[in-house]
N, C-alpha and C. Protein backbone atom coordinates (compact mmCIF):
# COMPACT_ATOMS: atom_id res chain seq x y z
N MET A 1 14.64 -4.43 34.45
CA MET A 1 14.10 -2.47 33.92
C MET A 1 14.56 -2.97 32.86
N SER A 2 15.98 -3.08 32.53
CA SER A 2 16.89 -3.80 31.82
C SER A 2 16.65 -3.94 30.63
N GLU A 3 16.09 -5.14 30.68
CA GLU A 3 15.66 -6.43 29.32
C GLU A 3 14.14 -5.55 28.99
N ALA A 4 13.55 -4.97 29.74
CA ALA A 4 12.12 -3.84 28.74
C ALA A 4 13.21 -2.86 27.94
N ILE A 5 14.81 -2.42 28.22
CA ILE A 5 15.27 -1.91 27.65
C ILE A 5 15.89 -2.65 26.28
N GLU A 6 15.62 -3.68 26.63
CA GLU A 6 17.06 -4.62 25.41
C GLU A 6 15.38 -4.55 24.57
N LYS A 7 14.34 -5.71 24.78
CA LYS A 7 13.60 -4.88 23.81
C LYS A 7 12.89 -3.91 22.98
N GLY A 8 12.81 -2.82 23.69
CA GLY A 8 12.41 -1.69 22.63
C GLY A 8 14.04 -1.26 21.37
N GLU A 9 15.28 -2.25 22.58
CA GLU A 9 16.21 -1.18 21.58
C GLU A 9 15.81 -2.24 19.81
N ALA A 10 15.53 -4.15 20.60
CA ALA A 10 15.49 -4.62 19.38
C ALA A 10 14.98 -4.56 18.94
N ARG A 11 13.41 -3.68 19.22
CA ARG A 11 12.15 -3.43 18.47
C ARG A 11 12.12 -2.62 17.06
N ARG A 12 12.73 -2.04 17.80
CA ARG A 12 13.56 -0.51 17.00
C ARG A 12 14.26 -0.72 16.13
N ARG A 13 15.16 -1.53 16.89
CA ARG A 13 16.49 -2.06 14.92
C ARG A 13 15.43 -2.49 14.06
N PHE A 14 14.07 -3.75 14.92
CA PHE A 14 13.79 -4.35 13.61
C PHE A 14 12.91 -3.25 12.32
N LEU A 15 12.50 -2.45 13.53
CA LEU A 15 12.02 -1.01 13.25
C LEU A 15 11.94 -0.45 11.65
N ARG A 16 13.49 -0.08 12.00
CA ARG A 16 14.09 0.14 11.28
C ARG A 16 14.45 0.26 10.03
N GLY A 17 15.27 -1.51 10.95
CA GLY A 17 15.31 -2.39 9.47
C GLY A 17 13.67 -2.26 8.48
N LEU A 18 12.48 -2.57 8.98
CA LEU A 18 11.84 -2.74 7.44
C LEU A 18 11.17 -0.69 6.57
N GLY A 19 11.82 -0.05 7.63
CA GLY A 19 11.82 1.16 7.22
C GLY A 19 12.92 1.54 6.30
N VAL A 20 14.25 0.84 6.51
CA VAL A 20 15.09 0.97 4.72
C VAL A 20 14.58 0.46 3.77
N ALA A 21 14.28 -0.96 4.46
CA ALA A 21 14.10 -1.94 2.50
C ALA A 21 12.72 -1.71 1.96
N GLY A 22 12.16 -0.88 3.14
CA GLY A 22 10.92 -0.23 1.88
C GLY A 22 10.94 0.52 1.80
N ALA A 23 11.57 1.58 1.41
CA ALA A 23 12.18 2.68 1.37
C ALA A 23 12.77 2.24 -0.11
N ALA A 24 13.95 1.88 -0.06
CA ALA A 24 14.88 1.15 -1.41
C ALA A 24 14.25 1.02 -1.97
N ALA A 25 12.64 -0.07 -1.01
CA ALA A 25 11.82 -1.31 -2.24
C ALA A 25 11.18 -0.15 -3.57
N VAL A 26 10.72 1.04 -3.37
CA VAL A 26 10.23 2.14 -3.24
C VAL A 26 10.65 2.98 -4.23
N ALA A 27 11.86 3.11 -3.99
CA ALA A 27 13.56 4.39 -5.16
C ALA A 27 13.34 2.87 -6.04
N ALA A 28 13.33 1.23 -5.71
CA ALA A 28 14.57 1.07 -6.64
C ALA A 28 14.06 1.39 -8.32
N PRO A 29 12.34 1.19 -9.12
CA PRO A 29 12.02 1.85 -10.04
C PRO A 29 12.93 2.77 -10.71
N PHE A 30 12.51 3.31 -9.74
CA PHE A 30 13.08 5.56 -10.17
C PHE A 30 14.53 4.64 -11.10
N GLY A 31 15.36 3.95 -10.76
CA GLY A 31 17.17 4.89 -10.86
C GLY A 31 17.13 4.11 -12.07
N GLY A 32 18.27 5.26 -12.45
CA GLY A 32 18.52 4.05 -14.43
C GLY A 32 16.77 4.56 -15.27
N ALA A 33 17.72 4.92 -16.66
CA ALA A 33 16.78 5.22 -18.06
C ALA A 33 16.45 3.48 -18.45
N THR A 34 15.83 2.88 -19.04
CA THR A 34 15.34 2.41 -19.53
C THR A 34 15.24 2.27 -20.79
N PRO A 35 15.30 0.54 -21.59
CA PRO A 35 15.94 0.33 -22.02
C PRO A 35 16.43 1.63 -23.81
N ALA A 36 14.99 1.78 -24.35
CA ALA A 36 14.15 2.56 -24.53
C ALA A 36 13.83 4.56 -24.61
N GLN A 37 14.36 4.27 -23.52
CA GLN A 37 15.00 5.58 -23.19
C GLN A 37 15.95 5.87 -24.11
N ALA A 38 17.04 4.73 -22.98
CA ALA A 38 18.21 5.03 -23.35
C ALA A 38 18.48 5.27 -25.37
N ARG A 39 17.69 4.56 -26.00
CA ARG A 39 18.20 4.41 -27.00
C ARG A 39 17.69 5.73 -27.85
N GLU A 40 17.06 6.86 -28.31
CA GLU A 40 16.23 7.88 -28.40
C GLU A 40 17.97 8.78 -28.32
N SER A 41 17.73 9.15 -29.51
CA SER A 41 19.06 10.23 -30.35
C SER A 41 18.67 11.15 -28.95
N ARG A 42 19.65 12.96 -29.94
CA ARG A 42 19.47 13.89 -29.03
C ARG A 42 18.20 15.25 -29.88
N GLU A 43 17.69 14.71 -31.64
CA GLU A 43 17.50 15.05 -32.22
C GLU A 43 15.64 14.22 -31.65
N GLU A 44 15.91 12.84 -31.55
CA GLU A 44 14.77 12.47 -30.95
C GLU A 44 13.90 12.88 -30.22
N LYS A 45 14.53 14.02 -28.71
CA LYS A 45 14.51 14.31 -27.97
C LYS A 45 13.54 15.86 -27.93
N ARG A 46 14.47 16.00 -29.26
CA ARG A 46 13.75 17.35 -29.11
C ARG A 46 12.58 18.22 -29.92
N ARG A 47 12.39 16.57 -30.60
CA ARG A 47 11.36 16.70 -31.83
C ARG A 47 10.19 16.88 -30.96
N ALA A 48 9.36 17.57 -32.00
CA ALA A 48 7.94 18.38 -31.64
C ALA A 48 6.58 16.79 -30.59
N ARG A 49 6.55 17.11 -30.08
CA ARG A 49 5.86 15.74 -30.05
C ARG A 49 4.18 16.03 -29.71
N TYR A 50 3.26 17.39 -30.39
CA TYR A 50 1.92 17.80 -30.03
C TYR A 50 1.83 17.23 -31.26
N GLN A 51 0.62 17.23 -31.47
CA GLN A 51 -0.32 17.42 -32.47
C GLN A 51 -0.75 17.72 -32.37
N PRO A 52 -1.58 19.13 -32.97
CA PRO A 52 -3.00 19.58 -32.80
C PRO A 52 -4.04 18.79 -33.03
N ASN A 53 -3.94 18.26 -34.77
CA ASN A 53 -5.11 17.66 -35.77
C ASN A 53 -5.18 16.89 -35.64
N SER A 54 -4.38 15.92 -34.16
CA SER A 54 -4.57 14.43 -34.09
C SER A 54 -6.03 14.06 -34.59
N PRO A 55 -6.34 12.82 -34.13
CA PRO A 55 -8.32 12.16 -34.00
C PRO A 55 -8.35 13.28 -32.55
N HIS A 56 -7.73 11.89 -31.09
CA HIS A 56 -7.94 12.14 -29.74
C HIS A 56 -7.60 13.45 -29.75
N VAL A 57 -6.83 14.41 -30.16
CA VAL A 57 -7.07 15.98 -29.36
C VAL A 57 -8.75 16.68 -29.96
N GLN A 58 -8.47 16.33 -31.31
CA GLN A 58 -9.26 17.09 -31.78
C GLN A 58 -11.11 16.59 -30.73
N ALA A 59 -10.61 15.14 -30.90
CA ALA A 59 -11.62 14.35 -29.49
C ALA A 59 -12.15 14.83 -28.05
N PHE A 60 -11.00 15.14 -27.73
CA PHE A 60 -11.02 15.85 -26.82
C PHE A 60 -11.46 17.62 -26.72
N TYR A 61 -11.10 18.46 -27.79
CA TYR A 61 -11.90 19.59 -27.89
C TYR A 61 -12.98 19.90 -27.96
N ARG A 62 -13.59 19.04 -29.06
CA ARG A 62 -14.96 18.65 -29.22
C ARG A 62 -16.06 18.51 -28.28
N THR A 63 -15.22 16.91 -26.95
CA THR A 63 -16.46 17.13 -26.48
C THR A 63 -16.59 18.02 -24.94
N ASN A 64 -14.97 19.02 -24.81
CA ASN A 64 -14.79 19.11 -23.94
C ASN A 64 -15.69 20.99 -24.19
N ARG A 65 -15.84 21.40 -25.37
CA ARG A 65 -16.40 22.53 -25.30
C ARG A 65 -17.60 23.25 -24.25
N TYR A 66 -17.40 24.67 -24.67
CA TYR A 66 -17.99 25.43 -23.00
C TYR A 66 -19.18 26.15 -23.52
N GLU A 67 -21.06 25.34 -23.74
CA GLU A 67 -21.42 26.22 -24.37
C GLU A 67 -21.09 27.29 -23.66
N ARG A 68 -21.41 28.90 -24.09
CA ARG A 68 -21.15 29.82 -24.24
C ARG A 68 -22.98 31.83 -23.85
């Protein structure tokens, strides 16, 4: 009986370790800023990025018009 309990505990420890390692592997890419983001100045962060007259925005509205 105690041997079965020890196997169960060992299995739980093994699976817990796999879970922790998996969570760490998933969370690793989300930590910290990339070098490109770190170089962006305060003014660059606040500038307007949406350009309504750009070709891809005009194409989006041209192809997604609804008939009335």
